[in-house]
Protein backbone atom coordinates (compact mmCIF):
# COMPACT_ATOMS: atom_id res chain seq x y z
CA UNK A 1 -11.51 27.43 25.09
CA UNK A 2 -9.52 24.70 22.98
CA UNK A 3 -10.47 23.63 18.99
CA UNK A 4 -12.76 21.28 18.30
CA UNK A 5 -11.70 19.48 15.17
CA UNK A 6 -13.15 17.07 12.94
CA UNK A 7 -11.59 14.22 11.66
CA UNK A 8 -13.37 12.81 8.48
CA UNK A 9 -12.50 8.80 8.84
CA UNK A 10 -10.97 6.62 10.66
CA UNK A 11 -7.58 4.68 9.00
CA UNK A 12 -3.99 4.98 9.65
CA UNK A 13 -3.92 9.24 8.22
CA UNK A 14 -7.27 9.85 10.68
CA UNK A 15 -6.08 8.49 13.61
CA UNK A 16 -2.17 10.24 12.98
CA UNK A 17 -4.23 13.67 12.44
CA UNK A 18 -6.56 12.76 16.03
CA UNK A 19 -3.17 11.95 17.71
CA UNK A 20 -1.80 15.01 16.55
CA UNK A 21 -4.35 17.39 17.73
CA UNK A 22 -5.44 15.99 20.62
CA UNK A 23 -1.78 16.83 21.39
CA UNK A 24 -1.77 20.10 20.72
CA UNK A 25 -4.88 20.47 22.89
CA UNK A 26 -7.70 20.44 20.96
CA UNK A 27 -10.91 18.53 20.98
CA UNK A 28 -11.34 16.11 18.65
CA UNK A 29 -14.53 14.05 16.85
CA UNK A 30 -13.61 11.44 14.18
CA UNK A 31 -16.58 10.81 12.36
CA UNK A 32 -16.53 7.34 10.17
CA UNK A 33 -18.59 6.06 7.24
CA UNK A 34 -18.64 2.27 8.03
CA UNK A 35 -19.47 0.33 11.63
CA UNK A 36 -16.93 -0.34 13.62
CA UNK A 37 -16.11 -3.80 11.96
CA UNK A 38 -15.39 -1.63 8.87
CA UNK A 39 -14.02 1.56 10.31
CA UNK A 40 -9.87 1.96 9.78
CA UNK A 41 -10.11 2.71 5.76
CA UNK A 42 -8.00 0.46 4.23
CA UNK A 43 -5.31 0.32 7.12
CA UNK A 44 -6.67 -2.80 8.60
CA UNK A 45 -6.51 -4.74 4.67
CA UNK A 46 -2.19 -3.92 5.02
CA UNK A 47 0.52 -6.21 6.30
CA UNK A 48 1.18 -2.70 8.30
CA UNK A 49 4.84 -2.19 6.93
CA UNK A 50 6.95 1.21 6.94
CA UNK A 51 9.37 2.66 5.06
CA UNK A 52 11.39 5.13 5.99
CA UNK A 53 14.84 6.15 6.82
CA UNK A 54 17.33 5.07 9.09
CA UNK A 55 21.38 4.59 9.47
CA UNK A 56 21.36 1.05 11.62
CA UNK A 57 19.97 -1.46 14.35
CA UNK A 58 20.05 1.03 16.86
CA UNK A 59 17.39 3.02 15.12
CA UNK A 60 14.79 0.51 15.22
CA UNK A 61 15.55 -1.52 18.11
CA UNK A 62 13.44 1.97 20.56
CA UNK A 63 10.90 1.04 18.15
CA UNK A 64 10.03 -2.66 18.77
CA UNK A 65 7.45 -3.70 21.09
CA UNK A 66 9.65 -6.76 21.79
CA UNK A 67 13.49 -5.57 22.12
CA UNK A 68 15.04 -8.64 23.67
CA UNK A 69 13.64 -10.41 20.63
CA UNK A 70 16.21 -13.63 20.52
CA UNK A 71 16.56 -13.01 16.71
CA UNK A 72 18.39 -9.69 17.43
CA UNK A 73 21.66 -10.82 17.18
CA UNK A 74 21.64 -12.66 14.01
CA UNK A 75 19.90 -10.08 12.26
CA UNK A 76 21.21 -7.61 9.77
CA UNK A 77 19.05 -4.75 9.31
CA UNK A 78 21.39 -2.69 6.69
CA UNK A 79 20.38 1.15 7.00
CA UNK A 80 18.10 2.89 4.57
CA UNK A 81 19.71 6.18 4.69
CA UNK A 82 17.12 9.71 3.10
CA UNK A 83 19.78 9.12 0.10
CA UNK A 84 18.18 6.38 -0.72
CA UNK A 85 15.03 6.82 -0.12
CA UNK A 86 15.05 9.58 -2.17
CA UNK A 87 16.77 7.93 -5.36
CA UNK A 88 13.62 4.84 -4.88
CA UNK A 89 11.35 7.43 -4.48
CA UNK A 90 12.58 8.82 -8.27
CA UNK A 91 12.84 5.37 -9.55
CA UNK A 92 9.07 5.99 -9.58
CA UNK A 93 8.89 9.92 -11.18
CA UNK A 94 8.83 8.92 -14.85
CA UNK A 95 11.51 11.35 -14.96
CA UNK A 96 9.81 14.26 -12.81
CA UNK A 97 12.31 15.93 -9.63
CA UNK A 98 11.21 14.92 -6.41
CA UNK A 99 8.11 16.22 -5.34
CA UNK A 100 7.83 18.76 -2.31
CA UNK A 101 5.31 15.95 -0.82
CA UNK A 102 7.70 13.78 -1.78
CA UNK A 103 10.72 15.76 0.14
CA UNK A 104 8.45 15.89 3.50
CA UNK A 105 8.07 11.65 3.37
CA UNK A 106 11.30 11.35 2.97
CA UNK A 107 12.75 13.56 5.75
CA UNK A 108 10.28 13.49 8.84
CA UNK A 109 9.11 9.80 8.07
CA UNK A 110 11.90 8.36 11.03
CA UNK A 111 10.62 11.19 13.17
CA UNK A 112 7.44 10.72 12.64
CA UNK A 113 8.39 6.60 13.28
CA UNK A 114 9.53 7.86 16.35
CA UNK A 115 6.56 10.11 17.61
CA UNK A 116 4.21 6.59 16.98
CA UNK A 117 6.41 4.80 18.94
CA UNK A 118 6.01 7.65 21.94
CA UNK A 119 2.84 6.48 21.89
CA UNK A 120 2.87 2.99 22.47
CA UNK A 121 2.82 2.50 18.52
CA UNK A 122 4.77 0.18 18.20
CA UNK A 123 6.75 -2.66 15.42
CA UNK A 124 8.35 -5.65 14.39
CA UNK A 125 10.27 -7.09 12.61
CA UNK A 126 9.64 -8.19 8.86
CA UNK A 127 11.00 -11.99 9.70
CA UNK A 128 8.74 -13.59 7.32
CA UNK A 129 8.69 -11.79 4.37
CA UNK A 130 11.30 -8.95 3.84
CA UNK A 131 14.34 -11.36 5.78
CA UNK A 132 15.89 -14.29 4.31
CA UNK A 133 17.98 -16.91 6.02
CA UNK A 134 22.15 -16.60 5.00
CA UNK A 135 24.72 -18.48 7.07
CA UNK A 136 22.81 -17.97 10.08
CA UNK A 137 21.95 -14.64 10.02
CA UNK A 138 18.91 -13.09 9.15
CA UNK A 139 19.31 -10.52 6.58
CA UNK A 140 16.88 -8.06 5.47
CA UNK A 141 16.33 -6.55 2.09
CA UNK A 142 14.71 -3.71 -0.17
CA UNK A 143 15.07 -1.43 2.84
CA UNK A 144 11.42 -2.68 4.52
CA UNK A 145 12.63 -3.93 8.02
CA UNK A 146 9.26 -2.85 9.96
CA UNK A 147 5.74 -3.70 10.45
CA UNK A 148 3.07 -2.81 12.87
CA UNK A 149 2.68 -5.69 15.93
CA UNK A 150 -0.03 -7.75 14.57
CA UNK A 151 0.08 -5.85 10.89
CA UNK A 152 -2.92 -3.65 9.27
CA UNK A 153 -5.27 -4.39 12.12
CA UNK A 154 -2.61 -3.91 15.31
CA UNK A 155 -1.82 -0.45 13.72
CA UNK A 156 -5.09 0.14 13.15
CA UNK A 157 -5.49 -1.01 17.45
CA UNK A 158 -2.65 0.81 18.71
CA UNK A 159 -3.57 4.39 17.25
CA UNK A 160 -6.73 4.17 17.88
CA UNK A 161 -6.19 2.91 21.19
CA UNK A 162 -3.81 6.09 22.11
CA UNK A 163 -6.88 8.72 20.40
CA UNK A 164 -8.95 6.97 23.19
CA UNK A 165 -6.51 7.48 26.20
CA UNK A 166 -6.26 11.10 25.18
CA UNK A 167 -9.48 11.83 24.93
CA UNK A 168 -10.93 11.72 21.32
CA UNK A 169 -14.54 10.38 19.90
CA UNK A 170 -14.61 8.52 17.54
CA UNK A 171 -18.70 8.03 16.33
CA UNK A 172 -19.04 5.24 13.04
CA UNK A 173 -21.88 4.61 11.01
CA UNK A 174 -21.44 8.68 10.13
CA UNK A 175 -21.14 9.79 6.43
CA UNK A 176 -19.78 13.32 6.31
CA UNK A 177 -22.09 14.35 3.12
CA UNK A 178 -20.78 17.40 3.00
CA UNK A 179 -19.42 20.43 3.82
CA UNK A 180 -20.46 23.38 5.90
CA UNK A 181 -19.41 26.68 4.16
CA UNK A 182 -19.44 30.42 6.20
CA UNK A 183 -18.17 32.86 2.68
CA UNK A 184 -14.86 31.12 2.09
CA UNK A 185 -14.40 28.98 5.15
CA UNK A 186 -14.89 25.44 6.29
CA UNK A 187 -16.89 25.76 9.42
CA UNK A 188 -18.11 22.48 10.16
CA UNK A 189 -19.61 19.24 8.19
CA UNK A 190 -22.86 17.74 7.61
CA UNK A 191 -23.71 14.23 8.51
CA UNK A 192 -27.21 13.36 6.66
CA UNK A 193 -29.39 16.59 7.91
CA UNK A 194 -27.56 17.09 10.60
CA UNK A 195 -24.96 19.80 11.40
CA UNK A 196 -22.04 19.34 13.26
CA UNK A 197 -20.09 23.00 13.02
CA UNK A 198 -16.59 22.88 14.25
CA UNK A 199 -13.32 25.03 14.18
CA UNK A 200 -11.55 22.83 11.39
CA UNK A 201 -12.10 19.75 9.35
CA UNK A 202 -9.34 17.19 8.27
CA UNK A 203 -9.82 15.02 5.18
CA UNK A 204 -9.06 12.05 6.02
CA UNK A 205 -11.51 9.54 3.49
CA UNK A 206 -9.39 8.25 1.17
CA UNK A 207 -9.11 8.19 -2.19
CA UNK A 208 -11.85 7.38 -5.30
CA UNK A 209 -10.96 3.62 -5.57
CA UNK A 210 -14.09 1.74 -4.81
CA UNK A 211 -15.89 3.76 -6.94
CA UNK A 212 -15.34 2.30 -10.65
CA UNK A 213 -17.70 5.38 -12.28
CA UNK A 214 -14.45 7.43 -11.09
CA UNK A 215 -11.94 5.09 -11.75
CA UNK A 216 -12.93 4.62 -15.66
CA UNK A 217 -13.48 8.83 -15.72
CA UNK A 218 -9.62 9.46 -14.35
CA UNK A 219 -7.91 6.75 -14.85
CA UNK A 220 -9.46 5.11 -18.27
CA UNK A 221 -11.94 2.07 -19.01
CA UNK A 222 -9.39 -0.82 -17.94
CA UNK A 223 -9.29 -0.09 -14.59
CA UNK A 224 -13.94 -0.72 -13.89
CA UNK A 225 -12.58 -4.78 -13.86
CA UNK A 226 -9.69 -3.61 -11.30
CA UNK A 227 -10.42 -5.67 -7.68
CA UNK A 228 -10.64 -3.18 -4.91
CA UNK A 229 -8.30 -4.69 -2.93
CA UNK A 230 -8.85 -2.88 0.22
CA UNK A 231 -12.36 -0.57 1.44
CA UNK A 232 -15.47 -1.07 -0.12
CA UNK A 233 -16.05 3.00 1.72
CA UNK A 234 -13.33 4.28 -0.25
CA UNK A 235 -15.35 6.14 -2.97
CA UNK A 236 -13.68 9.22 -3.54
CA UNK A 237 -16.10 11.48 -1.32
CA UNK A 238 -14.09 14.04 0.38
CA UNK A 239 -12.61 14.76 -2.72
CA UNK A 240 -15.90 15.42 -4.24
CA UNK A 241 -16.41 17.87 -0.89
CA UNK A 242 -13.30 19.38 -1.10
CA UNK A 243 -13.39 20.32 -4.85
CA UNK A 244 -16.85 21.63 -3.62
CA UNK A 245 -15.15 23.98 -1.59
CA UNK A 246 -12.64 25.06 -4.00
CA UNK A 247 -10.27 22.85 -3.73
CA UNK A 248 -7.95 22.37 -6.69
CA UNK A 249 -7.32 18.51 -8.10
CA UNK A 250 -3.25 18.25 -6.96
CA UNK A 251 -1.74 14.75 -8.60
CA UNK A 252 -1.23 12.21 -11.26
CA UNK A 253 -5.22 11.35 -11.17
CA UNK A 254 -4.31 8.40 -13.66
CA UNK A 255 -1.73 7.12 -11.36
CA UNK A 256 -2.70 3.87 -8.79
CA UNK A 257 -1.24 1.21 -6.27
CA UNK A 258 -1.92 -1.69 -8.26
CA UNK A 259 -0.70 -5.04 -6.79
CA UNK A 260 -1.33 -9.19 -8.11
CA UNK A 261 -4.89 -10.12 -7.28
CA UNK A 262 -6.41 -13.65 -7.10
CA UNK A 263 -8.66 -13.57 -9.86
CA UNK A 264 -11.13 -14.92 -8.22
CA UNK A 265 -11.37 -13.33 -5.09
CA UNK A 266 -14.76 -11.81 -3.65
CA UNK A 267 -15.41 -8.13 -3.37
CA UNK A 268 -12.94 -5.95 -1.62
CA UNK A 269 -11.23 -8.81 -0.42
CA UNK A 270 -14.37 -10.96 1.29
CA UNK A 271 -16.15 -8.56 3.93
CA UNK A 272 -17.22 -11.49 5.73
CA UNK A 273 -13.32 -12.87 6.78
CA UNK A 274 -11.53 -11.11 9.82
CA UNK A 275 -10.03 -7.86 8.86
CA UNK A 276 -6.39 -9.15 9.38
CA UNK A 277 -7.43 -12.07 6.25
CA UNK A 278 -8.20 -9.55 4.28
CA UNK A 279 -5.26 -9.38 2.35
CA UNK A 280 -4.49 -12.77 2.02
CA UNK A 281 -6.06 -12.97 -1.97
CA UNK A 282 -2.77 -10.58 -2.92
CA UNK A 283 -0.75 -12.99 -4.92
CA UNK A 284 2.94 -10.62 -4.63
CA UNK A 285 5.75 -13.59 -5.40
CA UNK A 286 5.51 -13.54 -8.89
CA UNK A 287 9.51 -13.07 -8.74
CA UNK A 288 9.54 -16.51 -7.19
CA UNK A 289 8.39 -17.88 -11.33
CA UNK A 290 7.08 -16.65 -13.98
CA UNK A 291 3.98 -15.04 -14.89
CA UNK A 292 2.05 -15.72 -18.53
CA UNK A 293 -1.35 -14.44 -20.32
CA UNK A 294 -4.14 -16.01 -21.66
CA UNK A 295 -1.71 -15.85 -24.93
CA UNK A 296 0.77 -17.86 -22.58
CA UNK A 297 3.48 -15.58 -22.77
CA UNK A 298 5.36 -13.23 -20.52
CA UNK A 299 4.92 -10.15 -19.92
CA UNK A 300 7.17 -7.91 -17.80
CA UNK A 301 10.77 -8.51 -16.01
CA UNK A 302 9.28 -11.18 -12.83
CA UNK A 303 12.81 -10.39 -11.66
CA UNK A 304 13.60 -6.79 -12.60
CA UNK A 305 13.76 -5.39 -8.70
CA UNK A 306 12.92 -6.45 -5.26
CA UNK A 307 9.02 -7.09 -4.50
CA UNK A 308 9.32 -4.31 -2.46
CA UNK A 309 9.20 -1.76 -6.39
CA UNK A 310 7.31 -3.76 -8.32
CA UNK A 311 4.53 -5.04 -6.75
CA UNK A 312 2.62 -1.50 -6.76
CA UNK A 313 2.53 -1.75 -10.64
CA UNK A 314 2.70 -5.09 -11.42
CA UNK A 315 -1.10 -4.93 -11.44
CA UNK A 316 -1.95 -2.43 -13.22
CA UNK A 317 0.51 -4.64 -15.81
CA UNK A 318 -2.20 -7.38 -15.76
CA UNK A 319 -5.49 -5.27 -16.47
CA UNK A 320 -3.26 -4.23 -20.00
CA UNK A 321 -3.33 -8.21 -21.21
CA UNK A 322 -5.86 -10.30 -22.74
CA UNK A 323 -8.36 -11.09 -20.93
CA UNK A 324 -7.41 -9.23 -17.80
CA UNK A 325 -5.78 -11.65 -16.37
CA UNK A 326 -2.67 -13.38 -15.63
CA UNK A 327 -0.73 -16.78 -14.35
CA UNK A 328 2.00 -17.41 -12.16
CA UNK A 329 3.55 -20.38 -12.37
CA UNK A 330 6.04 -21.92 -9.32
CA UNK A 331 7.78 -25.56 -9.19
CA UNK A 332 8.12 -27.13 -5.99
CA UNK A 333 12.19 -25.76 -5.24
CA UNK A 334 10.12 -22.27 -4.11
CA UNK A 335 7.35 -23.37 -2.35
CA UNK A 336 8.73 -22.70 1.12
CA UNK A 337 9.48 -19.14 -0.11
CA UNK A 338 5.94 -18.65 -1.33
CA UNK A 339 4.36 -16.05 1.32
CA UNK A 340 1.74 -17.44 3.33
CA UNK A 341 -0.74 -15.23 1.10
CA UNK A 342 -0.09 -18.38 -1.17
CA UNK A 343 -1.66 -20.83 1.44
CA UNK A 344 -4.36 -19.34 2.50
CA UNK A 345 -7.52 -21.33 2.96
CA UNK A 346 -9.43 -19.28 -0.04
CA UNK A 347 -6.38 -19.16 -2.45
CA UNK A 348 -6.96 -20.89 -6.03
CA UNK A 349 -4.66 -22.54 -7.98
CA UNK A 350 -4.15 -25.81 -10.22
CA UNK A 351 -1.58 -28.72 -9.36
CA UNK A 352 0.55 -31.01 -11.48
CA UNK A 353 2.97 -33.05 -11.85
CA UNK A 354 4.02 -32.17 -14.90
CA UNK A 355 4.13 -28.65 -17.46
CA UNK A 356 2.26 -30.51 -19.70
CA UNK A 357 -0.64 -31.00 -17.70
CA UNK A 358 0.18 -28.19 -15.62
CA UNK A 359 -0.76 -25.81 -18.94
CA UNK A 360 -3.92 -28.15 -19.44
CA UNK A 361 -5.17 -26.39 -16.59
CA UNK A 362 -4.67 -23.54 -17.23
CA UNK A 363 -8.40 -22.19 -17.97
CA UNK A 364 -7.82 -19.60 -20.74
CA UNK A 365 -4.42 -19.60 -21.79
CA UNK A 366 -3.37 -20.99 -24.83
CA UNK A 367 -1.75 -23.97 -23.87
CA UNK A 368 0.74 -25.29 -26.33
CA UNK A 369 2.46 -21.25 -26.60
CA UNK A 370 2.69 -21.58 -22.20
CA UNK A 371 4.52 -24.65 -22.50
CA UNK A 372 6.16 -23.37 -25.80
CA UNK A 373 7.13 -19.93 -23.53
CA UNK A 374 8.09 -22.63 -20.21
CA UNK A 375 10.67 -24.46 -22.30
CA UNK A 376 12.07 -21.13 -23.61
CA UNK A 377 12.04 -19.67 -20.50
CA UNK A 378 14.23 -22.30 -18.98
CA UNK A 379 16.78 -23.06 -21.60
CA UNK A 380 17.94 -18.88 -21.46
CA UNK A 381 18.16 -20.13 -17.39
CA UNK A 382 21.90 -18.90 -16.58
CA UNK A 383 22.97 -21.49 -14.66
CA UNK A 384 26.08 -20.68 -13.34
CA UNK A 385 25.25 -17.97 -11.05
CA UNK A 386 23.52 -19.30 -7.30
CA UNK A 387 20.27 -18.00 -6.30
CA UNK A 388 20.27 -15.87 -3.77
CA UNK A 389 16.73 -14.61 -2.87
CA UNK A 390 18.71 -12.08 -0.34
CA UNK A 391 20.23 -9.69 -2.72
CA UNK A 392 19.96 -8.62 -6.84
CA UNK A 393 21.93 -11.87 -7.82
CA UNK A 394 21.80 -11.34 -11.23
CA UNK A 395 21.16 -15.12 -11.85
CA UNK A 396 18.52 -14.04 -15.02
CA UNK A 397 16.92 -15.57 -18.08
CA UNK A 398 18.65 -13.36 -21.26
CA UNK A 399 17.33 -13.30 -24.43
CA UNK A 400 14.09 -13.36 -24.02
CA UNK A 401 11.73 -10.20 -24.46
CA UNK A 402 10.67 -9.44 -21.49
CA UNK A 403 13.78 -11.02 -19.48
CA UNK A 404 13.64 -11.86 -16.03
CA UNK A 405 16.64 -9.61 -14.56
CA UNK A 406 17.29 -11.90 -11.23
CA UNK A 407 16.27 -14.79 -9.36
CA UNK A 408 15.56 -17.06 -12.54
CA UNK A 409 15.62 -20.71 -11.66
CA UNK A 410 14.50 -23.36 -14.36
CA UNK A 411 10.92 -24.53 -13.63
CA UNK A 412 11.55 -27.74 -14.30
CA UNK A 413 11.19 -29.80 -10.65
CA UNK A 414 7.53 -31.10 -9.70
CA UNK A 415 4.94 -30.41 -8.86
CA UNK A 416 4.02 -27.50 -10.35
CA UNK A 417 1.57 -24.78 -9.28
CA UNK A 418 -0.06 -21.85 -10.90
CA UNK A 419 -2.32 -19.35 -9.31
CA UNK A 420 -4.74 -17.38 -11.27
CA UNK A 421 -4.35 -13.58 -10.33
CA UNK A 422 -6.37 -10.11 -12.25
CA UNK A 423 -5.17 -6.31 -10.92
CA UNK A 424 -6.18 -4.89 -7.91
CA UNK A 425 -6.28 -1.43 -7.19
CA UNK A 426 -4.99 -0.66 -3.34
CA UNK A 427 -5.12 3.44 -3.79
CA UNK A 428 -5.14 5.88 -6.15
CA UNK A 429 -2.32 9.03 -6.55
CA UNK A 430 -4.93 12.33 -7.24
CA UNK A 431 -6.18 14.47 -4.39
CA UNK A 432 -5.60 17.96 -3.22
CA UNK A 433 -2.63 19.76 -2.74
CA UNK A 434 -2.03 20.69 0.76
CA UNK A 435 0.66 23.62 2.13
CA UNK A 436 2.92 22.95 5.00
CA UNK A 437 0.15 22.74 7.72
CA UNK A 438 -2.31 20.06 6.11
CA UNK A 439 -4.68 23.03 4.65
CA UNK A 440 -5.98 21.98 1.44
CA UNK A 441 -5.48 24.66 -1.24
CA UNK A 442 -7.09 26.45 -4.26
CA UNK A 443 -6.09 26.80 -7.66
CA UNK A 444 -5.17 30.64 -6.59
CA UNK A 445 -2.79 29.51 -4.54
CA UNK A 446 -4.91 30.24 -1.02
CA UNK A 447 -5.26 27.84 1.88
CA UNK A 448 -9.16 27.54 2.22
CA UNK A 449 -9.90 28.45 5.92
CA UNK A 450 -10.41 25.96 8.32
CA UNK A 451 -9.62 23.15 5.61
CA UNK A 452 -6.97 20.04 5.75
CA UNK A 453 -6.35 16.55 3.98
CA UNK A 454 -4.48 13.67 4.85
CA UNK A 455 -3.79 10.64 3.91
CA UNK A 456 -4.58 9.12 0.10
CA UNK A 457 -6.12 12.70 -0.69
CA UNK A 458 -3.06 14.28 -0.44
CA UNK A 459 -1.43 13.89 -4.45
CA UNK A 460 1.98 14.33 -4.71
CA UNK A 461 3.41 11.63 -2.91
CA UNK A 462 3.26 8.91 -5.58
CA UNK A 463 3.60 8.91 -9.13
CA UNK A 464 4.71 6.35 -11.44
CA UNK A 465 4.49 4.56 -9.15
CA UNK A 466 5.80 3.47 -5.39
CA UNK A 467 8.56 1.70 -2.82
CA UNK A 468 6.09 -0.84 -0.96
CA UNK A 469 5.68 1.11 2.91
CA UNK A 470 5.93 4.15 1.87
CA UNK A 471 1.98 4.60 1.74
CA UNK A 472 0.69 3.82 5.33
CA UNK A 473 3.98 6.15 6.57
CA UNK A 474 2.87 9.31 3.98
CA UNK A 475 -0.18 8.53 6.26
CA UNK A 476 1.21 9.54 9.48
CA UNK A 477 3.26 11.52 7.76
CA UNK A 478 0.49 14.42 6.14
CA UNK A 479 -1.71 12.79 9.09
CA UNK A 480 0.32 14.72 11.42
CA UNK A 481 1.12 17.65 9.81
CA UNK A 482 -2.63 18.31 9.04
CA UNK A 483 -3.50 17.15 12.75
CA UNK A 484 -0.56 19.89 13.95
CA UNK A 485 -2.47 22.67 11.75
CA UNK A 486 -5.26 22.12 12.45
CA UNK A 487 -5.46 22.40 16.32
CA UNK A 488 -2.41 25.71 15.91
CA UNK A 489 -3.76 26.71 12.90
């Protein structure tokens, strides 16, 4: 008899778990809290980018939906080694060594991408956001090169199609409300009054980012006001159920992925919008301008590193500012370089021909202090270094606190635009401890029979932040592992 595996959730990690379990011969049922329109967890809210180790273009071409793309011969993808991936993660660990989970992520990232491609989950180069043209070539930067075809919505669609081809079943509007226990073992789930028995249960129901009370409890009062970038359904249900079954908490519960978001965005990114549009409330081109708080002061080094390495932290920095908002200021020299989200039909911004007029339009800001900050910034810009968005160009604004280390250009060419932003939470870092088979562990260090976890529920993967694209890759890596473990264990 094949094993019967229940997967709780339908995001990237859940679908990867289902594919792996089906591949091993199990019967798989996915139980989704949302209806079909809002299924997919946070996956549909992403741009679909996935970070993984590769040696060069020859490792990428087999993953592409269109390996004959005419741009490929004029593209410089560079390489992204396991050593570089490890170094990037260490840069966010606040002095910690690489965790076991991080080592698994790095070492199996490439193999997991090839595995996804073998199930017809295909990718495309991120020309619009991760490359700039230089001397007639498309030069990629920051170690992030590929995204799922049609971004996060496409990733969900392709993974779901693979699950359905392989015989998996999805039930929507089926929130799991509890685990069924037989002694210390998990033997099924409850969906309201219904009991569904199974050989194994995989929790892939996301973190607690959409639960304001849990955010405040684990992360502090600032996080009550955070905008939720993704699904409203990630309310910590899996974490609560696992704890009731004896699971140990693991990872940094005070940490999360938090990006700058449109201050006036609709709740949860606008559930009335098509899924592919909801991600456009993020505002992450700050490295091309400056950010000012209510006091008219800068508060981060906007050019500290490539955007990939700072955007998951700068949402938290904004929430620490007076009033928990800021304004991103740009001049017309960079309008064509701003990401498409700045031209989104529901993007909020003000525009003026002079800086004096602009600061007067920036609601909640000390206009005179903001103008003084902008003038001081312009005076500090190094005019002798050329602006190069494809590299850490060293074009800085020095002598300021904080400095701007790269891509510092004077804000002097009108018209000028300013975008109001706040902090938006994407996913939480605290979760559960799992072993090499994806089994959920107890405080005593033993696996809970029949219970597995993946995705945002796996703790120990991220700490002070993360390099962009790592989240979806982590979901796939640990989802695949949990699927194999549940079907084979």
